[in-house]
Amino acid sequence: MVYRGKDLAGTCGIPRHEERTYVKVELGGGQNGQIVRPVVLTWPDGRSWRIASARPVISYGRERFGNLVTRWEATIGRSTKVLWHDRGGWFVRAKGTRRQ
């Protein structure tokens, strides 16, 4: 039985569903004890960027409840961007939406 926990969208700074832009993220690492982390981010229009470094900052919810959301800080060029991951995939806050 899979328990579906409370949807965390719109809480704890997590973007609401309508504020999300889903992106493709390629993962790297996972060998010799390395942590799997995002290494390339591809925007829906096909533009992509190499992620110089990324680290999970905080997780909300629980995997066993099916509502785990992880906030990552990724360095792309000279900028630090926030990436989010949940069971629906990787997303960023859509441009023009503001944090509440």
PDB file of N, CA and C in Angstrom:
ATOM      1  N   MET A   1       0.844  -1.176   0.000  1.00  0.00           N
ATOM      2  CA  MET A   1       0.000   0.000   0.000  1.00  0.00           C
ATOM      3  C   MET A   1       0.891   1.241   0.000  1.00  0.00           C
ATOM      4  N   VAL A   2       0.602   2.181  -0.881  1.00  0.00           N
ATOM      5  CA  VAL A   2       1.346   3.432  -0.946  1.00  0.00           C
ATOM      6  C   VAL A   2       0.486   4.520  -0.329  1.00  0.00           C
ATOM      7  N   TYR A   3       1.013   5.149   0.688  1.00  0.00           N
ATOM      8  CA  TYR A   3       0.308   6.235   1.345  1.00  0.00           C
ATOM      9  C   TYR A   3       0.674   7.532   0.651  1.00  0.00           C
ATOM     10  N   ARG A   4      -0.300   8.298   0.250  1.00  0.00           N
ATOM     11  CA  ARG A   4      -0.058   9.593  -0.365  1.00  0.00           C
ATOM     12  C   ARG A   4      -0.182  10.665   0.703  1.00  0.00           C
ATOM     13  N   GLY A   5       0.961  11.226   1.073  1.00  0.00           N
ATOM     14  CA  GLY A   5       0.982  12.283   2.066  1.00  0.00           C
ATOM     15  C   GLY A   5       0.429  13.577   1.496  1.00  0.00           C
ATOM     16  N   LYS A   6       0.332  14.553   2.335  1.00  0.00           N
ATOM     17  CA  LYS A   6      -0.156  15.867   1.940  1.00  0.00           C
ATOM     18  C   LYS A   6       0.739  16.456   0.856  1.00  0.00           C
ATOM     19  N   ASP A   7       0.133  17.022  -0.178  1.00  0.00           N
ATOM     20  CA  ASP A   7       0.880  17.707  -1.233  1.00  0.00           C
ATOM     21  C   ASP A   7       1.497  18.957  -0.617  1.00  0.00           C
ATOM     22  N   LEU A   8       2.796  19.135  -0.775  1.00  0.00           N
ATOM     23  CA  LEU A   8       3.503  20.234  -0.133  1.00  0.00           C
ATOM     24  C   LEU A   8       3.637  21.472  -1.023  1.00  0.00           C
ATOM     25  N   ALA A   9       3.079  21.428  -2.227  1.00  0.00           N
ATOM     26  CA  ALA A   9       3.161  22.582  -3.129  1.00  0.00           C
ATOM     27  C   ALA A   9       2.552  23.810  -2.452  1.00  0.00           C
ATOM     28  N   GLY A  10       3.276  24.931  -2.517  1.00  0.00           N
ATOM     29  CA  GLY A  10       2.789  26.170  -1.922  1.00  0.00           C
ATOM     30  C   GLY A  10       3.120  26.318  -0.446  1.00  0.00           C
ATOM     31  N   THR A  11       3.816  25.343   0.132  1.00  0.00           N
ATOM     32  CA  THR A  11       4.226  25.441   1.530  1.00  0.00           C
ATOM     33  C   THR A  11       5.752  25.429   1.597  1.00  0.00           C
ATOM     34  N   CYS A  12       6.294  25.932   2.662  1.00  0.00           N
ATOM     35  CA  CYS A  12       7.742  25.878   2.925  1.00  0.00           C
ATOM     36  C   CYS A  12       8.574  26.475   1.792  1.00  0.00           C
ATOM     37  N   GLY A  13       8.018  27.388   1.015  1.00  0.00           N
ATOM     38  CA  GLY A  13       8.743  27.985  -0.099  1.00  0.00           C
ATOM     39  C   GLY A  13       8.726  27.153  -1.368  1.00  0.00           C
ATOM     40  N   ILE A  14       8.084  25.995  -1.331  1.00  0.00           N
ATOM     41  CA  ILE A  14       7.986  25.127  -2.512  1.00  0.00           C
ATOM     42  C   ILE A  14       6.987  25.755  -3.479  1.00  0.00           C
ATOM     43  N   PRO A  15       7.380  25.939  -4.756  1.00  0.00           N
ATOM     44  CA  PRO A  15       6.449  26.547  -5.712  1.00  0.00           C
ATOM     45  C   PRO A  15       5.156  25.743  -5.863  1.00  0.00           C
ATOM     46  N   ARG A  16       4.043  26.476  -6.012  1.00  0.00           N
ATOM     47  CA  ARG A  16       2.770  25.813  -6.312  1.00  0.00           C
ATOM     48  C   ARG A  16       2.880  25.223  -7.716  1.00  0.00           C
ATOM     49  N   HIS A  17       1.996  24.306  -8.053  1.00  0.00           N
ATOM     50  CA  HIS A  17       2.065  23.620  -9.348  1.00  0.00           C
ATOM     51  C   HIS A  17       2.027  24.602 -10.518  1.00  0.00           C
ATOM     52  N   GLU A  18       1.215  25.634 -10.438  1.00  0.00           N
ATOM     53  CA  GLU A  18       1.114  26.601 -11.532  1.00  0.00           C
ATOM     54  C   GLU A  18       2.330  27.527 -11.609  1.00  0.00           C
ATOM     55  N   GLU A  19       3.182  27.506 -10.599  1.00  0.00           N
ATOM     56  CA  GLU A  19       4.391  28.333 -10.575  1.00  0.00           C
ATOM     57  C   GLU A  19       5.632  27.550 -11.017  1.00  0.00           C
ATOM     58  N   ARG A  20       5.452  26.339 -11.473  1.00  0.00           N
ATOM     59  CA  ARG A  20       6.583  25.470 -11.794  1.00  0.00           C
ATOM     60  C   ARG A  20       6.845  25.416 -13.296  1.00  0.00           C
ATOM     61  N   THR A  21       8.125  25.359 -13.618  1.00  0.00           N
ATOM     62  CA  THR A  21       8.558  25.028 -14.969  1.00  0.00           C
ATOM     63  C   THR A  21       9.388  23.762 -14.834  1.00  0.00           C
ATOM     64  N   TYR A  22       8.912  22.670 -15.441  1.00  0.00           N
ATOM     65  CA  TYR A  22       9.635  21.412 -15.348  1.00  0.00           C
ATOM     66  C   TYR A  22      10.790  21.408 -16.341  1.00  0.00           C
ATOM     67  N   VAL A  23      11.927  20.920 -15.892  1.00  0.00           N
ATOM     68  CA  VAL A  23      13.147  20.884 -16.689  1.00  0.00           C
ATOM     69  C   VAL A  23      13.695  19.461 -16.687  1.00  0.00           C
ATOM     70  N   LYS A  24      14.526  19.186 -17.687  1.00  0.00           N
ATOM     71  CA  LYS A  24      15.211  17.887 -17.729  1.00  0.00           C
ATOM     72  C   LYS A  24      16.543  18.064 -17.013  1.00  0.00           C
ATOM     73  N   VAL A  25      16.884  17.111 -16.173  1.00  0.00           N
ATOM     74  CA  VAL A  25      18.146  17.160 -15.443  1.00  0.00           C
ATOM     75  C   VAL A  25      18.869  15.838 -15.636  1.00  0.00           C
ATOM     76  N   GLU A  26      20.123  15.940 -16.084  1.00  0.00           N
ATOM     77  CA  GLU A  26      20.971  14.753 -16.175  1.00  0.00           C
ATOM     78  C   GLU A  26      21.736  14.632 -14.862  1.00  0.00           C
ATOM     79  N   LEU A  27      21.838  13.408 -14.374  1.00  0.00           N
ATOM     80  CA  LEU A  27      22.507  13.159 -13.102  1.00  0.00           C
ATOM     81  C   LEU A  27      23.884  12.560 -13.331  1.00  0.00           C
ATOM     82  N   GLY A  28      24.794  12.845 -12.414  1.00  0.00           N
ATOM     83  CA  GLY A  28      26.139  12.286 -12.476  1.00  0.00           C
ATOM     84  C   GLY A  28      26.537  11.755 -11.117  1.00  0.00           C
ATOM     85  N   GLY A  29      27.656  11.072 -11.077  1.00  0.00           N
ATOM     86  CA  GLY A  29      28.127  10.498  -9.826  1.00  0.00           C
ATOM     87  C   GLY A  29      27.549   9.117  -9.624  1.00  0.00           C
ATOM     88  N   GLY A  30      27.468   8.717  -8.384  1.00  0.00           N
ATOM     89  CA  GLY A  30      26.913   7.416  -8.053  1.00  0.00           C
ATOM     90  C   GLY A  30      27.910   6.275  -8.117  1.00  0.00           C
ATOM     91  N   GLN A  31      29.169   6.593  -8.382  1.00  0.00           N
ATOM     92  CA  GLN A  31      30.188   5.553  -8.442  1.00  0.00           C
ATOM     93  C   GLN A  31      31.203   5.775  -7.334  1.00  0.00           C
ATOM     94  N   ASN A  32      31.726   4.713  -6.803  1.00  0.00           N
ATOM     95  CA  ASN A  32      32.758   4.783  -5.756  1.00  0.00           C
ATOM     96  C   ASN A  32      32.339   5.661  -4.582  1.00  0.00           C
ATOM     97  N   GLY A  33      31.093   5.572  -4.175  1.00  0.00           N
ATOM     98  CA  GLY A  33      30.625   6.315  -3.017  1.00  0.00           C
ATOM     99  C   GLY A  33      30.254   7.761  -3.285  1.00  0.00           C
ATOM    100  N   GLN A  34      30.352   8.219  -4.551  1.00  0.00           N
ATOM    101  CA  GLN A  34      29.962   9.595  -4.856  1.00  0.00           C
ATOM    102  C   GLN A  34      28.446   9.733  -4.778  1.00  0.00           C
ATOM    103  N   ILE A  35      28.011  10.909  -4.374  1.00  0.00           N
ATOM    104  CA  ILE A  35      26.588  11.199  -4.303  1.00  0.00           C
ATOM    105  C   ILE A  35      26.085  11.535  -5.701  1.00  0.00           C
ATOM    106  N   VAL A  36      24.936  10.993  -6.084  1.00  0.00           N
ATOM    107  CA  VAL A  36      24.321  11.339  -7.355  1.00  0.00           C
ATOM    108  C   VAL A  36      23.845  12.782  -7.259  1.00  0.00           C
ATOM    109  N   ARG A  37      24.205  13.595  -8.271  1.00  0.00           N
ATOM    110  CA  ARG A  37      23.829  14.995  -8.254  1.00  0.00           C
ATOM    111  C   ARG A  37      23.546  15.465  -9.670  1.00  0.00           C
ATOM    112  N   PRO A  38      22.806  16.563  -9.808  1.00  0.00           N
ATOM    113  CA  PRO A  38      22.532  17.111 -11.133  1.00  0.00           C
ATOM    114  C   PRO A  38      23.812  17.652 -11.773  1.00  0.00           C
ATOM    115  N   VAL A  39      24.007  17.367 -13.070  1.00  0.00           N
ATOM    116  CA  VAL A  39      25.190  17.868 -13.768  1.00  0.00           C
ATOM    117  C   VAL A  39      24.846  18.692 -15.009  1.00  0.00           C
ATOM    118  N   VAL A  40      23.674  18.482 -15.594  1.00  0.00           N
ATOM    119  CA  VAL A  40      23.232  19.261 -16.758  1.00  0.00           C
ATOM    120  C   VAL A  40      21.751  19.562 -16.603  1.00  0.00           C
ATOM    121  N   LEU A  41      21.381  20.819 -16.835  1.00  0.00           N
ATOM    122  CA  LEU A  41      19.983  21.255 -16.784  1.00  0.00           C
ATOM    123  C   LEU A  41      19.579  21.639 -18.204  1.00  0.00           C
ATOM    124  N   THR A  42      18.459  21.090 -18.694  1.00  0.00           N
ATOM    125  CA  THR A  42      17.956  21.415 -20.027  1.00  0.00           C
ATOM    126  C   THR A  42      16.576  22.036 -19.895  1.00  0.00           C
ATOM    127  N   TRP A  43      16.464  23.234 -20.435  1.00  0.00           N
ATOM    128  CA  TRP A  43      15.224  24.002 -20.408  1.00  0.00           C
ATOM    129  C   TRP A  43      14.236  23.404 -21.411  1.00  0.00           C
ATOM    130  N   PRO A  44      12.925  23.613 -21.253  1.00  0.00           N
ATOM    131  CA  PRO A  44      11.943  23.033 -22.177  1.00  0.00           C
ATOM    132  C   PRO A  44      12.171  23.388 -23.658  1.00  0.00           C
ATOM    133  N   ASP A  45      12.804  24.540 -23.925  1.00  0.00           N
ATOM    134  CA  ASP A  45      13.046  24.924 -25.327  1.00  0.00           C
ATOM    135  C   ASP A  45      14.325  24.315 -25.894  1.00  0.00           C
ATOM    136  N   GLY A  46      15.013  23.468 -25.109  1.00  0.00           N
ATOM    137  CA  GLY A  46      16.190  22.768 -25.589  1.00  0.00           C
ATOM    138  C   GLY A  46      17.523  23.368 -25.163  1.00  0.00           C
ATOM    139  N   ARG A  47      17.524  24.593 -24.645  1.00  0.00           N
ATOM    140  CA  ARG A  47      18.781  25.176 -24.164  1.00  0.00           C
ATOM    141  C   ARG A  47      19.249  24.393 -22.945  1.00  0.00           C
ATOM    142  N   SER A  48      20.570  24.213 -22.849  1.00  0.00           N
ATOM    143  CA  SER A  48      21.066  23.473 -21.685  1.00  0.00           C
ATOM    144  C   SER A  48      22.310  24.132 -21.126  1.00  0.00           C
ATOM    145  N   TRP A  49      22.541  23.871 -19.842  1.00  0.00           N
ATOM    146  CA  TRP A  49      23.671  24.419 -19.119  1.00  0.00           C
ATOM    147  C   TRP A  49      24.314  23.339 -18.283  1.00  0.00           C
ATOM    148  N   ARG A  50      25.633  23.369 -18.211  1.00  0.00           N
ATOM    149  CA  ARG A  50      26.361  22.472 -17.321  1.00  0.00           C
ATOM    150  C   ARG A  50      26.279  23.051 -15.914  1.00  0.00           C
ATOM    151  N   ILE A  51      26.015  22.208 -14.955  1.00  0.00           N
ATOM    152  CA  ILE A  51      25.941  22.611 -13.553  1.00  0.00           C
ATOM    153  C   ILE A  51      27.315  22.366 -12.937  1.00  0.00           C
ATOM    154  N   ALA A  52      27.964  23.454 -12.516  1.00  0.00           N
ATOM    155  CA  ALA A  52      29.317  23.348 -11.967  1.00  0.00           C
ATOM    156  C   ALA A  52      29.323  22.622 -10.626  1.00  0.00           C
ATOM    157  N   SER A  53      28.347  22.930  -9.787  1.00  0.00           N
ATOM    158  CA  SER A  53      28.234  22.239  -8.499  1.00  0.00           C
ATOM    159  C   SER A  53      26.775  22.280  -8.071  1.00  0.00           C
ATOM    160  N   ALA A  54      26.392  21.285  -7.296  1.00  0.00           N
ATOM    161  CA  ALA A  54      25.018  21.221  -6.790  1.00  0.00           C
ATOM    162  C   ALA A  54      25.028  20.499  -5.464  1.00  0.00           C
ATOM    163  N   ARG A  55      24.171  20.975  -4.588  1.00  0.00           N
ATOM    164  CA  ARG A  55      24.068  20.300  -3.290  1.00  0.00           C
ATOM    165  C   ARG A  55      22.632  20.372  -2.801  1.00  0.00           C
ATOM    166  N   PRO A  56      22.160  19.277  -2.215  1.00  0.00           N
ATOM    167  CA  PRO A  56      20.820  19.314  -1.639  1.00  0.00           C
ATOM    168  C   PRO A  56      20.863  20.165  -0.379  1.00  0.00           C
ATOM    169  N   VAL A  57      19.946  21.092  -0.270  1.00  0.00           N
ATOM    170  CA  VAL A  57      19.942  21.998   0.870  1.00  0.00           C
ATOM    171  C   VAL A  57      19.030  21.475   1.967  1.00  0.00           C
ATOM    172  N   ILE A  58      17.819  21.107   1.573  1.00  0.00           N
ATOM    173  CA  ILE A  58      16.855  20.646   2.576  1.00  0.00           C
ATOM    174  C   ILE A  58      15.799  19.796   1.894  1.00  0.00           C
ATOM    175  N   SER A  59      15.258  18.850   2.630  1.00  0.00           N
ATOM    176  CA  SER A  59      14.167  18.018   2.133  1.00  0.00           C
ATOM    177  C   SER A  59      12.942  18.245   2.993  1.00  0.00           C
ATOM    178  N   TYR A  60      11.803  18.201   2.344  1.00  0.00           N
ATOM    179  CA  TYR A  60      10.515  18.361   3.021  1.00  0.00           C
ATOM    180  C   TYR A  60       9.688  17.111   2.753  1.00  0.00           C
ATOM    181  N   GLY A  61       8.845  16.745   3.685  1.00  0.00           N
ATOM    182  CA  GLY A  61       8.003  15.566   3.522  1.00  0.00           C
ATOM    183  C   GLY A  61       8.792  14.294   3.790  1.00  0.00           C
ATOM    184  N   ARG A  62       8.209  13.178   3.365  1.00  0.00           N
ATOM    185  CA  ARG A  62       8.835  11.875   3.590  1.00  0.00           C
ATOM    186  C   ARG A  62       8.658  10.998   2.359  1.00  0.00           C
ATOM    187  N   GLU A  63       9.705  10.287   2.016  1.00  0.00           N
ATOM    188  CA  GLU A  63       9.644   9.385   0.869  1.00  0.00           C
ATOM    189  C   GLU A  63       8.578   8.311   1.087  1.00  0.00           C
ATOM    190  N   ARG A  64       8.506   7.787   2.271  1.00  0.00           N
ATOM    191  CA  ARG A  64       7.538   6.710   2.527  1.00  0.00           C
ATOM    192  C   ARG A  64       6.093   7.193   2.426  1.00  0.00           C
ATOM    193  N   PHE A  65       5.862   8.509   2.576  1.00  0.00           N
ATOM    194  CA  PHE A  65       4.520   9.063   2.419  1.00  0.00           C
ATOM    195  C   PHE A  65       4.258   9.528   0.984  1.00  0.00           C
ATOM    196  N   GLY A  66       5.289   9.475   0.145  1.00  0.00           N
ATOM    197  CA  GLY A  66       5.113   9.849  -1.250  1.00  0.00           C
ATOM    198  C   GLY A  66       5.079  11.347  -1.499  1.00  0.00           C
ATOM    199  N   ASN A  67       5.570  12.151  -0.548  1.00  0.00           N
ATOM    200  CA  ASN A  67       5.532  13.605  -0.749  1.00  0.00           C
ATOM    201  C   ASN A  67       6.892  14.265  -0.498  1.00  0.00           C
ATOM    202  N   LEU A  68       7.980  13.533  -0.732  1.00  0.00           N
ATOM    203  CA  LEU A  68       9.316  14.071  -0.518  1.00  0.00           C
ATOM    204  C   LEU A  68       9.647  15.100  -1.594  1.00  0.00           C
ATOM    205  N   VAL A  69      10.045  16.294  -1.178  1.00  0.00           N
ATOM    206  CA  VAL A  69      10.484  17.362  -2.077  1.00  0.00           C
ATOM    207  C   VAL A  69      11.849  17.829  -1.575  1.00  0.00           C
ATOM    208  N   THR A  70      12.836  17.880  -2.480  1.00  0.00           N
ATOM    209  CA  THR A  70      14.182  18.290  -2.101  1.00  0.00           C
ATOM    210  C   THR A  70      14.552  19.566  -2.833  1.00  0.00           C
ATOM    211  N   ARG A  71      15.063  20.518  -2.086  1.00  0.00           N
ATOM    212  CA  ARG A  71      15.532  21.796  -2.636  1.00  0.00           C
ATOM    213  C   ARG A  71      17.040  21.695  -2.828  1.00  0.00           C
ATOM    214  N   TRP A  72      17.496  21.984  -4.052  1.00  0.00           N
ATOM    215  CA  TRP A  72      18.919  21.945  -4.394  1.00  0.00           C
ATOM    216  C   TRP A  72      19.382  23.343  -4.738  1.00  0.00           C
ATOM    217  N   GLU A  73      20.633  23.654  -4.422  1.00  0.00           N
ATOM    218  CA  GLU A  73      21.273  24.870  -4.902  1.00  0.00           C
ATOM    219  C   GLU A  73      22.288  24.440  -5.939  1.00  0.00           C
ATOM    220  N   ALA A  74      22.145  24.976  -7.156  1.00  0.00           N
ATOM    221  CA  ALA A  74      23.021  24.614  -8.260  1.00  0.00           C
ATOM    222  C   ALA A  74      23.762  25.847  -8.749  1.00  0.00           C
ATOM    223  N   THR A  75      25.052  25.700  -8.985  1.00  0.00           N
ATOM    224  CA  THR A  75      25.856  26.784  -9.524  1.00  0.00           C
ATOM    225  C   THR A  75      25.974  26.578 -11.029  1.00  0.00           C
ATOM    226  N   ILE A  76      25.472  27.569 -11.767  1.00  0.00           N
ATOM    227  CA  ILE A  76      25.531  27.557 -13.223  1.00  0.00           C
ATOM    228  C   ILE A  76      26.221  28.852 -13.625  1.00  0.00           C
ATOM    229  N   GLY A  77      27.411  28.722 -14.170  1.00  0.00           N
ATOM    230  CA  GLY A  77      28.200  29.923 -14.445  1.00  0.00           C
ATOM    231  C   GLY A  77      28.543  30.603 -13.137  1.00  0.00           C
ATOM    232  N   ARG A  78      28.212  31.888 -13.029  1.00  0.00           N
ATOM    233  CA  ARG A  78      28.458  32.616 -11.779  1.00  0.00           C
ATOM    234  C   ARG A  78      27.205  32.757 -10.924  1.00  0.00           C
ATOM    235  N   SER A  79      26.121  32.126 -11.328  1.00  0.00           N
ATOM    236  CA  SER A  79      24.847  32.259 -10.614  1.00  0.00           C
ATOM    237  C   SER A  79      24.517  31.001  -9.827  1.00  0.00           C
ATOM    238  N   THR A  80      23.844  31.198  -8.717  1.00  0.00           N
ATOM    239  CA  THR A  80      23.304  30.082  -7.952  1.00  0.00           C
ATOM    240  C   THR A  80      21.806  30.048  -8.187  1.00  0.00           C
ATOM    241  N   LYS A  81      21.316  28.918  -8.637  1.00  0.00           N
ATOM    242  CA  LYS A  81      19.900  28.729  -8.938  1.00  0.00           C
ATOM    243  C   LYS A  81      19.325  27.675  -8.009  1.00  0.00           C
ATOM    244  N   VAL A  82      18.024  27.777  -7.755  1.00  0.00           N
ATOM    245  CA  VAL A  82      17.340  26.790  -6.923  1.00  0.00           C
ATOM    246  C   VAL A  82      16.612  25.810  -7.829  1.00  0.00           C
ATOM    247  N   LEU A  83      16.911  24.531  -7.647  1.00  0.00           N
ATOM    248  CA  LEU A  83      16.218  23.441  -8.333  1.00  0.00           C
ATOM    249  C   LEU A  83      15.422  22.673  -7.293  1.00  0.00           C
ATOM    250  N   TRP A  84      14.301  22.157  -7.707  1.00  0.00           N
ATOM    251  CA  TRP A  84      13.467  21.341  -6.820  1.00  0.00           C
ATOM    252  C   TRP A  84      13.284  19.970  -7.460  1.00  0.00           C
ATOM    253  N   HIS A  85      13.180  18.944  -6.635  1.00  0.00           N
ATOM    254  CA  HIS A  85      12.905  17.601  -7.132  1.00  0.00           C
ATOM    255  C   HIS A  85      11.813  16.970  -6.282  1.00  0.00           C
ATOM    256  N   ASP A  86      10.822  16.406  -6.952  1.00  0.00           N
ATOM    257  CA  ASP A  86       9.813  15.596  -6.270  1.00  0.00           C
ATOM    258  C   ASP A  86       9.458  14.435  -7.184  1.00  0.00           C
ATOM    259  N   ARG A  87       8.464  13.663  -6.820  1.00  0.00           N
ATOM    260  CA  ARG A  87       8.153  12.473  -7.609  1.00  0.00           C
ATOM    261  C   ARG A  87       7.715  12.809  -9.029  1.00  0.00           C
ATOM    262  N   GLY A  88       7.352  14.063  -9.286  1.00  0.00           N
ATOM    263  CA  GLY A  88       6.973  14.486 -10.635  1.00  0.00           C
ATOM    264  C   GLY A  88       8.151  14.872 -11.498  1.00  0.00           C
ATOM    265  N   GLY A  89       9.327  15.001 -10.922  1.00  0.00           N
ATOM    266  CA  GLY A  89      10.518  15.348 -11.677  1.00  0.00           C
ATOM    267  C   GLY A  89      11.204  16.579 -11.123  1.00  0.00           C
ATOM    268  N   TRP A  90      12.019  17.210 -11.959  1.00  0.00           N
ATOM    269  CA  TRP A  90      12.789  18.389 -11.585  1.00  0.00           C
ATOM    270  C   TRP A  90      12.073  19.629 -12.078  1.00  0.00           C
ATOM    271  N   PHE A  91      12.086  20.691 -11.268  1.00  0.00           N
ATOM    272  CA  PHE A  91      11.452  21.932 -11.683  1.00  0.00           C
ATOM    273  C   PHE A  91      12.142  23.128 -11.052  1.00  0.00           C
ATOM    274  N   VAL A  92      11.872  24.289 -11.635  1.00  0.00           N
ATOM    275  CA  VAL A  92      12.332  25.572 -11.108  1.00  0.00           C
ATOM    276  C   VAL A  92      11.102  26.448 -10.951  1.00  0.00           C
ATOM    277  N   ARG A  93      11.262  27.528 -10.202  1.00  0.00           N
ATOM    278  CA  ARG A  93      10.165  28.478 -10.074  1.00  0.00           C
ATOM    279  C   ARG A  93      10.051  29.217 -11.419  1.00  0.00           C
ATOM    280  N   ALA A  94       8.847  29.265 -11.972  1.00  0.00           N
ATOM    281  CA  ALA A  94       8.629  29.918 -13.270  1.00  0.00           C
ATOM    282  C   ALA A  94       8.949  31.406 -13.166  1.00  0.00           C
ATOM    283  N   LYS A  95       9.540  31.915 -14.200  1.00  0.00           N
ATOM    284  CA  LYS A  95       9.886  33.323 -14.241  1.00  0.00           C
ATOM    285  C   LYS A  95       8.597  34.144 -14.133  1.00  0.00           C
ATOM    286  N   GLY A  96       8.666  35.211 -13.364  1.00  0.00           N
ATOM    287  CA  GLY A  96       7.507  36.073 -13.198  1.00  0.00           C
ATOM    288  C   GLY A  96       6.583  35.692 -12.050  1.00  0.00           C
ATOM    289  N   THR A  97       6.840  34.551 -11.409  1.00  0.00           N
ATOM    290  CA  THR A  97       6.047  34.207 -10.219  1.00  0.00           C
ATOM    291  C   THR A  97       6.877  34.569  -9.021  1.00  0.00           C
ATOM    292  N   ARG A  98       6.217  34.971  -7.987  1.00  0.00           N
ATOM    293  CA  ARG A  98       6.979  35.408  -6.818  1.00  0.00           C
ATOM    294  C   ARG A  98       6.760  34.468  -5.660  1.00  0.00           C
ATOM    295  N   ARG A  99       7.740  34.403  -4.822  1.00  0.00           N
ATOM    296  CA  ARG A  99       7.680  33.564  -3.631  1.00  0.00           C
ATOM    297  C   ARG A  99       6.772  34.209  -2.615  1.00  0.00           C
ATOM    298  N   GLN A 100       5.933  33.397  -1.988  1.00  0.00           N
ATOM    299  CA  GLN A 100       5.035  33.917  -0.960  1.00  0.00           C
ATOM    300  C   GLN A 100       5.392  33.383   0.386  1.00  0.00           C
TER     301      GLN A 100
END
